[in-house]
Amino acid sequence: MDGSIATNPSDLVVDLFGGSGTTAAVAHKMRRRWLITERNFQTVRDFLLPRLQHVVSGTDPGGITEMLSWAGGGGFEVAQVSPRFGTGYSSAGFGGIRRGLKKTAIREDILAA
């Protein structure tokens, strides 16, 4: 299998329901760019972050790891979005969305939050 059935390296893979991080893990190992969202912070803390940290460090043995000879690499960032931006959308509303985003590099202390 060459891994190019539905995507090519550097394509963007989007998963709006991140869950345990399987889509992101596979996309990362296949050298795709990826964007996932997850509404539940506890799911992010308990499943997504640990899984993706293992993928990057090369210690995630699951899925296509062996087939691709995945040894780790790359990185990722987390953006925490405020639950609510306001009631109306106007041209000024997008500035509020930008202010509502908080980009955070992955650090071990995030898991303790």
PDB file of N, CA and C in Angstrom:
ATOM      1  N   MET A   1       0.844  -1.184   0.000  1.00  0.00           N
ATOM      2  CA  MET A   1       0.000   0.000   0.000  1.00  0.00           C
ATOM      3  C   MET A   1       0.880   1.234   0.000  1.00  0.00           C
ATOM      4  N   ASP A   2       0.572   2.177  -0.877  1.00  0.00           N
ATOM      5  CA  ASP A   2       1.396   3.374  -0.959  1.00  0.00           C
ATOM      6  C   ASP A   2       0.827   4.530  -0.146  1.00  0.00           C
ATOM      7  N   GLY A   3      -0.351   4.396   0.462  1.00  0.00           N
ATOM      8  CA  GLY A   3      -0.894   5.426   1.330  1.00  0.00           C
ATOM      9  C   GLY A   3      -1.467   6.624   0.603  1.00  0.00           C
ATOM     10  N   SER A   4      -1.589   6.568  -0.710  1.00  0.00           N
ATOM     11  CA  SER A   4      -2.077   7.737  -1.444  1.00  0.00           C
ATOM     12  C   SER A   4      -3.463   7.519  -2.034  1.00  0.00           C
ATOM     13  N   ILE A   5      -4.249   6.657  -1.427  1.00  0.00           N
ATOM     14  CA  ILE A   5      -5.578   6.384  -1.956  1.00  0.00           C
ATOM     15  C   ILE A   5      -6.467   7.626  -1.910  1.00  0.00           C
ATOM     16  N   ALA A   6      -6.474   8.319  -0.769  1.00  0.00           N
ATOM     17  CA  ALA A   6      -7.362   9.473  -0.627  1.00  0.00           C
ATOM     18  C   ALA A   6      -6.612  10.782  -0.443  1.00  0.00           C
ATOM     19  N   THR A   7      -5.374  10.734   0.008  1.00  0.00           N
ATOM     20  CA  THR A   7      -4.608  11.955   0.238  1.00  0.00           C
ATOM     21  C   THR A   7      -3.180  11.772  -0.222  1.00  0.00           C
ATOM     22  N   ASN A   8      -2.504  12.884  -0.349  1.00  0.00           N
ATOM     23  CA  ASN A   8      -1.087  12.889  -0.715  1.00  0.00           C
ATOM     24  C   ASN A   8      -0.296  13.569   0.394  1.00  0.00           C
ATOM     25  N   PRO A   9       1.004  13.277   0.494  1.00  0.00           N
ATOM     26  CA  PRO A   9       1.810  13.978   1.498  1.00  0.00           C
ATOM     27  C   PRO A   9       1.607  15.486   1.395  1.00  0.00           C
ATOM     28  N   SER A  10       1.515  16.120   2.527  1.00  0.00           N
ATOM     29  CA  SER A  10       1.288  17.554   2.733  1.00  0.00           C
ATOM     30  C   SER A  10      -0.169  17.983   2.536  1.00  0.00           C
ATOM     31  N   ASP A  11      -1.071  17.072   2.136  1.00  0.00           N
ATOM     32  CA  ASP A  11      -2.496  17.412   2.103  1.00  0.00           C
ATOM     33  C   ASP A  11      -2.975  17.700   3.520  1.00  0.00           C
ATOM     34  N   LEU A  12      -4.070  18.426   3.624  1.00  0.00           N
ATOM     35  CA  LEU A  12      -4.662  18.746   4.920  1.00  0.00           C
ATOM     36  C   LEU A  12      -5.792  17.773   5.215  1.00  0.00           C
ATOM     37  N   VAL A  13      -5.717  17.111   6.368  1.00  0.00           N
ATOM     38  CA  VAL A  13      -6.747  16.182   6.831  1.00  0.00           C
ATOM     39  C   VAL A  13      -7.454  16.865   7.998  1.00  0.00           C
ATOM     40  N   VAL A  14      -8.787  16.952   7.948  1.00  0.00           N
ATOM     41  CA  VAL A  14      -9.569  17.629   8.985  1.00  0.00           C
ATOM     42  C   VAL A  14     -10.501  16.620   9.651  1.00  0.00           C
ATOM     43  N   ASP A  15     -10.509  16.637  10.978  1.00  0.00           N
ATOM     44  CA  ASP A  15     -11.393  15.780  11.765  1.00  0.00           C
ATOM     45  C   ASP A  15     -12.044  16.663  12.820  1.00  0.00           C
ATOM     46  N   LEU A  16     -13.345  16.864  12.721  1.00  0.00           N
ATOM     47  CA  LEU A  16     -14.058  17.754  13.641  1.00  0.00           C
ATOM     48  C   LEU A  16     -14.423  17.093  14.961  1.00  0.00           C
ATOM     49  N   PHE A  17     -14.208  15.807  15.074  1.00  0.00           N
ATOM     50  CA  PHE A  17     -14.505  15.077  16.307  1.00  0.00           C
ATOM     51  C   PHE A  17     -13.264  14.270  16.679  1.00  0.00           C
ATOM     52  N   GLY A  18     -12.285  14.915  17.307  1.00  0.00           N
ATOM     53  CA  GLY A  18     -10.960  14.352  17.546  1.00  0.00           C
ATOM     54  C   GLY A  18     -10.918  13.056  18.324  1.00  0.00           C
ATOM     55  N   GLY A  19     -11.789  12.920  19.336  1.00  0.00           N
ATOM     56  CA  GLY A  19     -11.856  11.674  20.105  1.00  0.00           C
ATOM     57  C   GLY A  19     -10.519  11.214  20.624  1.00  0.00           C
ATOM     58  N   SER A  20     -10.127  10.006  20.248  1.00  0.00           N
ATOM     59  CA  SER A  20      -8.873   9.431  20.745  1.00  0.00           C
ATOM     60  C   SER A  20      -7.665   9.820  19.892  1.00  0.00           C
ATOM     61  N   GLY A  21      -7.874  10.549  18.820  1.00  0.00           N
ATOM     62  CA  GLY A  21      -6.758  11.042  18.010  1.00  0.00           C
ATOM     63  C   GLY A  21      -6.293  10.135  16.897  1.00  0.00           C
ATOM     64  N   THR A  22      -7.089   9.118  16.549  1.00  0.00           N
ATOM     65  CA  THR A  22      -6.659   8.170  15.518  1.00  0.00           C
ATOM     66  C   THR A  22      -6.417   8.848  14.173  1.00  0.00           C
ATOM     67  N   THR A  23      -7.321   9.714  13.749  1.00  0.00           N
ATOM     68  CA  THR A  23      -7.160  10.385  12.454  1.00  0.00           C
ATOM     69  C   THR A  23      -5.889  11.221  12.441  1.00  0.00           C
ATOM     70  N   ALA A  24      -5.662  11.980  13.498  1.00  0.00           N
ATOM     71  CA  ALA A  24      -4.459  12.807  13.573  1.00  0.00           C
ATOM     72  C   ALA A  24      -3.201  11.947  13.616  1.00  0.00           C
ATOM     73  N   ALA A  25      -3.235  10.854  14.364  1.00  0.00           N
ATOM     74  CA  ALA A  25      -2.069   9.972  14.468  1.00  0.00           C
ATOM     75  C   ALA A  25      -1.694   9.404  13.103  1.00  0.00           C
ATOM     76  N   VAL A  26      -2.681   8.906  12.378  1.00  0.00           N
ATOM     77  CA  VAL A  26      -2.420   8.327  11.055  1.00  0.00           C
ATOM     78  C   VAL A  26      -1.961   9.410  10.084  1.00  0.00           C
ATOM     79  N   ALA A  27      -2.638  10.547  10.089  1.00  0.00           N
ATOM     80  CA  ALA A  27      -2.246  11.640   9.193  1.00  0.00           C
ATOM     81  C   ALA A  27      -0.812  12.083   9.475  1.00  0.00           C
ATOM     82  N   HIS A  28      -0.470  12.211  10.744  1.00  0.00           N
ATOM     83  CA  HIS A  28       0.884  12.638  11.121  1.00  0.00           C
ATOM     84  C   HIS A  28       1.929  11.631  10.634  1.00  0.00           C
ATOM     85  N   LYS A  29       1.673  10.362  10.874  1.00  0.00           N
ATOM     86  CA  LYS A  29       2.616   9.318  10.459  1.00  0.00           C
ATOM     87  C   LYS A  29       2.751   9.252   8.948  1.00  0.00           C
ATOM     88  N   MET A  30       1.685   9.638   8.233  1.00  0.00           N
ATOM     89  CA  MET A  30       1.717   9.614   6.767  1.00  0.00           C
ATOM     90  C   MET A  30       2.168  10.951   6.182  1.00  0.00           C
ATOM     91  N   ARG A  31       2.654  11.824   7.067  1.00  0.00           N
ATOM     92  CA  ARG A  31       3.191  13.130   6.665  1.00  0.00           C
ATOM     93  C   ARG A  31       2.147  14.017   6.001  1.00  0.00           C
ATOM     94  N   ARG A  32       0.942  13.959   6.544  1.00  0.00           N
ATOM     95  CA  ARG A  32      -0.113  14.880   6.118  1.00  0.00           C
ATOM     96  C   ARG A  32      -0.214  15.981   7.166  1.00  0.00           C
ATOM     97  N   ARG A  33      -0.600  17.157   6.723  1.00  0.00           N
ATOM     98  CA  ARG A  33      -0.945  18.204   7.684  1.00  0.00           C
ATOM     99  C   ARG A  33      -2.308  17.842   8.230  1.00  0.00           C
ATOM    100  N   TRP A  34      -2.591  18.188   9.469  1.00  0.00           N
ATOM    101  CA  TRP A  34      -3.880  17.806  10.035  1.00  0.00           C
ATOM    102  C   TRP A  34      -4.379  18.880  10.988  1.00  0.00           C
ATOM    103  N   LEU A  35      -5.692  18.917  11.092  1.00  0.00           N
ATOM    104  CA  LEU A  35      -6.381  19.826  12.000  1.00  0.00           C
ATOM    105  C   LEU A  35      -7.509  19.034  12.626  1.00  0.00           C
ATOM    106  N   ILE A  36      -7.513  18.939  13.941  1.00  0.00           N
ATOM    107  CA  ILE A  36      -8.608  18.256  14.614  1.00  0.00           C
ATOM    108  C   ILE A  36      -9.202  19.174  15.664  1.00  0.00           C
ATOM    109  N   THR A  37     -10.461  18.969  15.939  1.00  0.00           N
ATOM    110  CA  THR A  37     -11.124  19.702  17.007  1.00  0.00           C
ATOM    111  C   THR A  37     -11.728  18.697  17.975  1.00  0.00           C
ATOM    112  N   GLU A  38     -11.830  19.100  19.203  1.00  0.00           N
ATOM    113  CA  GLU A  38     -12.494  18.291  20.219  1.00  0.00           C
ATOM    114  C   GLU A  38     -13.116  19.246  21.223  1.00  0.00           C
ATOM    115  N   ARG A  39     -14.372  19.075  21.473  1.00  0.00           N
ATOM    116  CA  ARG A  39     -15.127  19.968  22.339  1.00  0.00           C
ATOM    117  C   ARG A  39     -14.853  19.718  23.824  1.00  0.00           C
ATOM    118  N   ASN A  40     -14.601  18.492  24.192  1.00  0.00           N
ATOM    119  CA  ASN A  40     -14.469  18.108  25.590  1.00  0.00           C
ATOM    120  C   ASN A  40     -12.999  18.192  26.030  1.00  0.00           C
ATOM    121  N   PHE A  41     -12.700  19.112  26.945  1.00  0.00           N
ATOM    122  CA  PHE A  41     -11.331  19.308  27.412  1.00  0.00           C
ATOM    123  C   PHE A  41     -10.768  18.034  28.037  1.00  0.00           C
ATOM    124  N   GLN A  42     -11.585  17.309  28.769  1.00  0.00           N
ATOM    125  CA  GLN A  42     -11.109  16.086  29.425  1.00  0.00           C
ATOM    126  C   GLN A  42     -10.664  15.052  28.393  1.00  0.00           C
ATOM    127  N   THR A  43     -11.372  14.968  27.273  1.00  0.00           N
ATOM    128  CA  THR A  43     -10.961  14.056  26.198  1.00  0.00           C
ATOM    129  C   THR A  43      -9.611  14.479  25.637  1.00  0.00           C
ATOM    130  N   VAL A  44      -9.429  15.772  25.457  1.00  0.00           N
ATOM    131  CA  VAL A  44      -8.140  16.283  24.968  1.00  0.00           C
ATOM    132  C   VAL A  44      -7.037  15.918  25.953  1.00  0.00           C
ATOM    133  N   ARG A  45      -7.265  16.197  27.230  1.00  0.00           N
ATOM    134  CA  ARG A  45      -6.251  15.964  28.267  1.00  0.00           C
ATOM    135  C   ARG A  45      -5.949  14.475  28.445  1.00  0.00           C
ATOM    136  N   ASP A  46      -7.000  13.656  28.477  1.00  0.00           N
ATOM    137  CA  ASP A  46      -6.823  12.237  28.807  1.00  0.00           C
ATOM    138  C   ASP A  46      -6.460  11.350  27.621  1.00  0.00           C
ATOM    139  N   PHE A  47      -6.836  11.748  26.409  1.00  0.00           N
ATOM    140  CA  PHE A  47      -6.629  10.874  25.250  1.00  0.00           C
ATOM    141  C   PHE A  47      -5.799  11.515  24.137  1.00  0.00           C
ATOM    142  N   LEU A  48      -6.249  12.672  23.638  1.00  0.00           N
ATOM    143  CA  LEU A  48      -5.581  13.278  22.485  1.00  0.00           C
ATOM    144  C   LEU A  48      -4.136  13.668  22.754  1.00  0.00           C
ATOM    145  N   LEU A  49      -3.890  14.453  23.800  1.00  0.00           N
ATOM    146  CA  LEU A  49      -2.522  14.897  24.061  1.00  0.00           C
ATOM    147  C   LEU A  49      -1.562  13.739  24.295  1.00  0.00           C
ATOM    148  N   PRO A  50      -1.902  12.795  25.176  1.00  0.00           N
ATOM    149  CA  PRO A  50      -0.964  11.682  25.358  1.00  0.00           C
ATOM    150  C   PRO A  50      -0.719  10.901  24.073  1.00  0.00           C
ATOM    151  N   ARG A  51      -1.765  10.648  23.314  1.00  0.00           N
ATOM    152  CA  ARG A  51      -1.613   9.877  22.069  1.00  0.00           C
ATOM    153  C   ARG A  51      -0.702  10.589  21.090  1.00  0.00           C
ATOM    154  N   LEU A  52      -0.938  11.876  20.879  1.00  0.00           N
ATOM    155  CA  LEU A  52      -0.144  12.611  19.899  1.00  0.00           C
ATOM    156  C   LEU A  52       1.280  12.848  20.385  1.00  0.00           C
ATOM    157  N   GLN A  53       1.486  12.962  21.679  1.00  0.00           N
ATOM    158  CA  GLN A  53       2.846  13.055  22.204  1.00  0.00           C
ATOM    159  C   GLN A  53       3.602  11.753  21.942  1.00  0.00           C
ATOM    160  N   HIS A  54       2.920  10.629  22.060  1.00  0.00           N
ATOM    161  CA  HIS A  54       3.547   9.335  21.747  1.00  0.00           C
ATOM    162  C   HIS A  54       3.860   9.225  20.257  1.00  0.00           C
ATOM    163  N   VAL A  55       2.969   9.730  19.410  1.00  0.00           N
ATOM    164  CA  VAL A  55       3.214   9.705  17.963  1.00  0.00           C
ATOM    165  C   VAL A  55       4.484  10.493  17.638  1.00  0.00           C
ATOM    166  N   VAL A  56       4.576  11.703  18.155  1.00  0.00           N
ATOM    167  CA  VAL A  56       5.723  12.564  17.871  1.00  0.00           C
ATOM    168  C   VAL A  56       7.018  11.966  18.423  1.00  0.00           C
ATOM    169  N   SER A  57       6.950  11.360  19.609  1.00  0.00           N
ATOM    170  CA  SER A  57       8.161  10.790  20.214  1.00  0.00           C
ATOM    171  C   SER A  57       8.533   9.429  19.626  1.00  0.00           C
ATOM    172  N   GLY A  58       7.637   8.859  18.810  1.00  0.00           N
ATOM    173  CA  GLY A  58       7.926   7.555  18.196  1.00  0.00           C
ATOM    174  C   GLY A  58       7.603   6.374  19.092  1.00  0.00           C
ATOM    175  N   THR A  59       6.834   6.615  20.166  1.00  0.00           N
ATOM    176  CA  THR A  59       6.503   5.523  21.096  1.00  0.00           C
ATOM    177  C   THR A  59       5.056   5.068  20.978  1.00  0.00           C
ATOM    178  N   ASP A  60       4.374   5.444  19.899  1.00  0.00           N
ATOM    179  CA  ASP A  60       3.001   4.982  19.645  1.00  0.00           C
ATOM    180  C   ASP A  60       3.088   3.783  18.707  1.00  0.00           C
ATOM    181  N   PRO A  61       2.889   2.572  19.214  1.00  0.00           N
ATOM    182  CA  PRO A  61       3.095   1.380  18.399  1.00  0.00           C
ATOM    183  C   PRO A  61       1.908   1.012  17.512  1.00  0.00           C
ATOM    184  N   GLY A  62       0.796   1.719  17.633  1.00  0.00           N
ATOM    185  CA  GLY A  62      -0.436   1.292  16.973  1.00  0.00           C
ATOM    186  C   GLY A  62      -0.529   1.638  15.503  1.00  0.00           C
ATOM    187  N   GLY A  63      -1.613   1.114  14.919  1.00  0.00           N
ATOM    188  CA  GLY A  63      -1.984   1.456  13.547  1.00  0.00           C
ATOM    189  C   GLY A  63      -0.937   1.126  12.511  1.00  0.00           C
ATOM    190  N   ILE A  64      -0.539   2.128  11.749  1.00  0.00           N
ATOM    191  CA  ILE A  64       0.342   1.929  10.601  1.00  0.00           C
ATOM    192  C   ILE A  64       1.819   2.156  10.927  1.00  0.00           C
ATOM    193  N   THR A  65       2.138   2.205  12.211  1.00  0.00           N
ATOM    194  CA  THR A  65       3.517   2.472  12.633  1.00  0.00           C
ATOM    195  C   THR A  65       4.509   1.530  11.963  1.00  0.00           C
ATOM    196  N   GLU A  66       4.259   0.243  12.052  1.00  0.00           N
ATOM    197  CA  GLU A  66       5.190  -0.742  11.501  1.00  0.00           C
ATOM    198  C   GLU A  66       5.243  -0.669   9.981  1.00  0.00           C
ATOM    199  N   MET A  67       4.075  -0.537   9.343  1.00  0.00           N
ATOM    200  CA  MET A  67       4.027  -0.495   7.882  1.00  0.00           C
ATOM    201  C   MET A  67       4.846   0.674   7.326  1.00  0.00           C
ATOM    202  N   LEU A  68       4.806   1.805   8.027  1.00  0.00           N
ATOM    203  CA  LEU A  68       5.519   2.994   7.561  1.00  0.00           C
ATOM    204  C   LEU A  68       6.905   3.134   8.183  1.00  0.00           C
ATOM    205  N   SER A  69       7.272   2.207   9.055  1.00  0.00           N
ATOM    206  CA  SER A  69       8.528   2.300   9.809  1.00  0.00           C
ATOM    207  C   SER A  69       8.622   3.639  10.528  1.00  0.00           C
ATOM    208  N   TRP A  70       7.518   4.037  11.156  1.00  0.00           N
ATOM    209  CA  TRP A  70       7.446   5.329  11.845  1.00  0.00           C
ATOM    210  C   TRP A  70       8.337   5.313  13.081  1.00  0.00           C
ATOM    211  N   ALA A  71       9.222   6.285  13.174  1.00  0.00           N
ATOM    212  CA  ALA A  71      10.132   6.377  14.316  1.00  0.00           C
ATOM    213  C   ALA A  71       9.940   7.671  15.095  1.00  0.00           C
ATOM    214  N   GLY A  72       8.923   8.442  14.729  1.00  0.00           N
ATOM    215  CA  GLY A  72       8.656   9.697  15.431  1.00  0.00           C
ATOM    216  C   GLY A  72       9.124  10.897  14.629  1.00  0.00           C
ATOM    217  N   GLY A  73       8.746  12.068  15.123  1.00  0.00           N
ATOM    218  CA  GLY A  73       9.154  13.312  14.496  1.00  0.00           C
ATOM    219  C   GLY A  73       8.000  14.271  14.341  1.00  0.00           C
ATOM    220  N   GLY A  74       8.340  15.489  14.015  1.00  0.00           N
ATOM    221  CA  GLY A  74       7.334  16.523  13.830  1.00  0.00           C
ATOM    222  C   GLY A  74       6.892  17.114  15.153  1.00  0.00           C
ATOM    223  N   GLY A  75       5.764  17.752  15.141  1.00  0.00           N
ATOM    224  CA  GLY A  75       5.231  18.387  16.331  1.00  0.00           C
ATOM    225  C   GLY A  75       3.815  18.850  16.070  1.00  0.00           C
ATOM    226  N   PHE A  76       3.228  19.456  17.079  1.00  0.00           N
ATOM    227  CA  PHE A  76       1.882  19.988  16.924  1.00  0.00           C
ATOM    228  C   PHE A  76       1.651  21.055  17.969  1.00  0.00           C
ATOM    229  N   GLU A  77       0.608  21.837  17.776  1.00  0.00           N
ATOM    230  CA  GLU A  77       0.226  22.887  18.708  1.00  0.00           C
ATOM    231  C   GLU A  77      -1.236  22.728  19.066  1.00  0.00           C
ATOM    232  N   VAL A  78      -1.602  23.260  20.204  1.00  0.00           N
ATOM    233  CA  VAL A  78      -2.992  23.249  20.656  1.00  0.00           C
ATOM    234  C   VAL A  78      -3.483  24.680  20.710  1.00  0.00           C
ATOM    235  N   ALA A  79      -4.670  24.916  20.175  1.00  0.00           N
ATOM    236  CA  ALA A  79      -5.324  26.221  20.297  1.00  0.00           C
ATOM    237  C   ALA A  79      -6.596  26.017  21.094  1.00  0.00           C
ATOM    238  N   GLN A  80      -6.695  26.713  22.205  1.00  0.00           N
ATOM    239  CA  GLN A  80      -7.905  26.626  23.021  1.00  0.00           C
ATOM    240  C   GLN A  80      -8.802  27.789  22.634  1.00  0.00           C
ATOM    241  N   VAL A  81     -10.029  27.485  22.249  1.00  0.00           N
ATOM    242  CA  VAL A  81     -10.974  28.494  21.797  1.00  0.00           C
ATOM    243  C   VAL A  81     -12.012  28.717  22.881  1.00  0.00           C
ATOM    244  N   SER A  82     -12.297  29.988  23.147  1.00  0.00           N
ATOM    245  CA  SER A  82     -13.333  30.303  24.120  1.00  0.00           C
ATOM    246  C   SER A  82     -14.647  29.679  23.689  1.00  0.00           C
ATOM    247  N   PRO A  83     -15.465  29.222  24.643  1.00  0.00           N
ATOM    248  CA  PRO A  83     -16.711  28.548  24.290  1.00  0.00           C
ATOM    249  C   PRO A  83     -17.711  29.435  23.549  1.00  0.00           C
ATOM    250  N   ARG A  84     -17.635  30.732  23.749  1.00  0.00           N
ATOM    251  CA  ARG A  84     -18.616  31.633  23.132  1.00  0.00           C
ATOM    252  C   ARG A  84     -17.944  32.945  22.785  1.00  0.00           C
ATOM    253  N   PHE A  85     -18.167  33.431  21.556  1.00  0.00           N
ATOM    254  CA  PHE A  85     -17.544  34.669  21.107  1.00  0.00           C
ATOM    255  C   PHE A  85     -18.471  35.873  21.212  1.00  0.00           C
ATOM    256  N   GLY A  86     -19.743  35.683  21.372  1.00  0.00           N
ATOM    257  CA  GLY A  86     -20.678  36.796  21.391  1.00  0.00           C
ATOM    258  C   GLY A  86     -21.935  36.437  20.650  1.00  0.00           C
ATOM    259  N   THR A  87     -22.795  37.397  20.473  1.00  0.00           N
ATOM    260  CA  THR A  87     -24.092  37.099  19.895  1.00  0.00           C
ATOM    261  C   THR A  87     -24.188  37.403  18.413  1.00  0.00           C
ATOM    262  N   GLY A  88     -23.481  38.370  17.901  1.00  0.00           N
ATOM    263  CA  GLY A  88     -23.644  38.715  16.496  1.00  0.00           C
ATOM    264  C   GLY A  88     -22.354  38.619  15.731  1.00  0.00           C
ATOM    265  N   TYR A  89     -22.473  38.467  14.442  1.00  0.00           N
ATOM    266  CA  TYR A  89     -21.302  38.467  13.592  1.00  0.00           C
ATOM    267  C   TYR A  89     -21.327  39.719  12.754  1.00  0.00           C
ATOM    268  N   SER A  90     -20.293  40.484  12.843  1.00  0.00           N
ATOM    269  CA  SER A  90     -20.134  41.680  12.027  1.00  0.00           C
ATOM    270  C   SER A  90     -18.697  41.693  11.550  1.00  0.00           C
ATOM    271  N   SER A  91     -18.330  42.698  10.807  1.00  0.00           N
ATOM    272  CA  SER A  91     -16.946  42.761  10.354  1.00  0.00           C
ATOM    273  C   SER A  91     -16.002  42.864  11.552  1.00  0.00           C
ATOM    274  N   ALA A  92     -16.467  43.461  12.649  1.00  0.00           N
ATOM    275  CA  ALA A  92     -15.643  43.548  13.858  1.00  0.00           C
ATOM    276  C   ALA A  92     -15.643  42.214  14.604  1.00  0.00           C
ATOM    277  N   GLY A  93     -16.634  41.360  14.348  1.00  0.00           N
ATOM    278  CA  GLY A  93     -16.750  40.092  15.055  1.00  0.00           C
ATOM    279  C   GLY A  93     -15.564  39.173  14.838  1.00  0.00           C
ATOM    280  N   PHE A  94     -14.962  39.230  13.657  1.00  0.00           N
ATOM    281  CA  PHE A  94     -13.826  38.357  13.402  1.00  0.00           C
ATOM    282  C   PHE A  94     -12.617  38.748  14.228  1.00  0.00           C
ATOM    283  N   GLY A  95     -12.487  40.028  14.583  1.00  0.00           N
ATOM    284  CA  GLY A  95     -11.422  40.448  15.492  1.00  0.00           C
ATOM    285  C   GLY A  95     -11.611  39.799  16.849  1.00  0.00           C
ATOM    286  N   GLY A  96     -12.864  39.667  17.291  1.00  0.00           N
ATOM    287  CA  GLY A  96     -13.162  39.010  18.559  1.00  0.00           C
ATOM    288  C   GLY A  96     -12.780  37.546  18.521  1.00  0.00           C
ATOM    289  N   ILE A  97     -12.989  36.911  17.373  1.00  0.00           N
ATOM    290  CA  ILE A  97     -12.611  35.508  17.237  1.00  0.00           C
ATOM    291  C   ILE A  97     -11.098  35.385  17.352  1.00  0.00           C
ATOM    292  N   ARG A  98     -10.362  36.264  16.691  1.00  0.00           N
ATOM    293  CA  ARG A  98      -8.907  36.206  16.787  1.00  0.00           C
ATOM    294  C   ARG A  98      -8.446  36.417  18.222  1.00  0.00           C
ATOM    295  N   ARG A  99      -9.087  37.335  18.932  1.00  0.00           N
ATOM    296  CA  ARG A  99      -8.711  37.569  20.321  1.00  0.00           C
ATOM    297  C   ARG A  99      -9.100  36.384  21.190  1.00  0.00           C
ATOM    298  N   GLY A 100     -10.149  35.641  20.803  1.00  0.00           N
ATOM    299  CA  GLY A 100     -10.603  34.502  21.590  1.00  0.00           C
ATOM    300  C   GLY A 100      -9.707  33.282  21.474  1.00  0.00           C
ATOM    301  N   LEU A 101      -8.881  33.232  20.445  1.00  0.00           N
ATOM    302  CA  LEU A 101      -7.978  32.099  20.261  1.00  0.00           C
ATOM    303  C   LEU A 101      -6.729  32.276  21.103  1.00  0.00           C
ATOM    304  N   LYS A 102      -6.334  31.236  21.767  1.00  0.00           N
ATOM    305  CA  LYS A 102      -5.115  31.265  22.564  1.00  0.00           C
ATOM    306  C   LYS A 102      -4.259  30.098  22.117  1.00  0.00           C
ATOM    307  N   LYS A 103      -3.178  30.366  21.452  1.00  0.00           N
ATOM    308  CA  LYS A 103      -2.301  29.305  20.951  1.00  0.00           C
ATOM    309  C   LYS A 103      -1.331  28.904  22.051  1.00  0.00           C
ATOM    310  N   THR A 104      -1.202  27.624  22.268  1.00  0.00           N
ATOM    311  CA  THR A 104      -0.356  27.113  23.331  1.00  0.00           C
ATOM    312  C   THR A 104       0.495  25.987  22.785  1.00  0.00           C
ATOM    313  N   ALA A 105       1.784  26.085  22.948  1.00  0.00           N
ATOM    314  CA  ALA A 105       2.647  24.975  22.560  1.00  0.00           C
ATOM    315  C   ALA A 105       2.430  23.846  23.551  1.00  0.00           C
ATOM    316  N   ILE A 106       2.568  22.627  23.092  1.00  0.00           N
ATOM    317  CA  ILE A 106       2.364  21.469  23.961  1.00  0.00           C
ATOM    318  C   ILE A 106       3.485  21.426  24.993  1.00  0.00           C
ATOM    319  N   ARG A 107       3.075  21.361  26.224  1.00  0.00           N
ATOM    320  CA  ARG A 107       4.015  21.244  27.337  1.00  0.00           C
ATOM    321  C   ARG A 107       3.423  20.242  28.317  1.00  0.00           C
ATOM    322  N   GLU A 108       4.265  19.620  29.097  1.00  0.00           N
ATOM    323  CA  GLU A 108       3.792  18.648  30.073  1.00  0.00           C
ATOM    324  C   GLU A 108       2.865  19.267  31.109  1.00  0.00           C
ATOM    325  N   ASP A 109       3.071  20.564  31.431  1.00  0.00           N
ATOM    326  CA  ASP A 109       2.240  21.182  32.464  1.00  0.00           C
ATOM    327  C   ASP A 109       0.797  21.369  32.011  1.00  0.00           C
ATOM    328  N   ILE A 110       0.524  21.293  30.701  1.00  0.00           N
ATOM    329  CA  ILE A 110      -0.857  21.394  30.224  1.00  0.00           C
ATOM    330  C   ILE A 110      -1.657  20.185  30.693  1.00  0.00           C
ATOM    331  N   LEU A 111      -1.019  19.031  30.733  1.00  0.00           N
ATOM    332  CA  LEU A 111      -1.718  17.828  31.154  1.00  0.00           C
ATOM    333  C   LEU A 111      -2.185  17.913  32.600  1.00  0.00           C
ATOM    334  N   ALA A 112      -1.521  18.690  33.404  1.00  0.00           N
ATOM    335  CA  ALA A 112      -1.883  18.812  34.811  1.00  0.00           C
ATOM    336  C   ALA A 112      -3.026  19.797  35.021  1.00  0.00           C
ATOM    337  N   ALA A 113      -3.355  20.569  33.997  1.00  0.00           N
ATOM    338  CA  ALA A 113      -4.407  21.596  34.119  1.00  0.00           C
ATOM    339  C   ALA A 113      -5.763  21.003  34.382  1.00  0.00           C
TER     340      ALA A 113
END
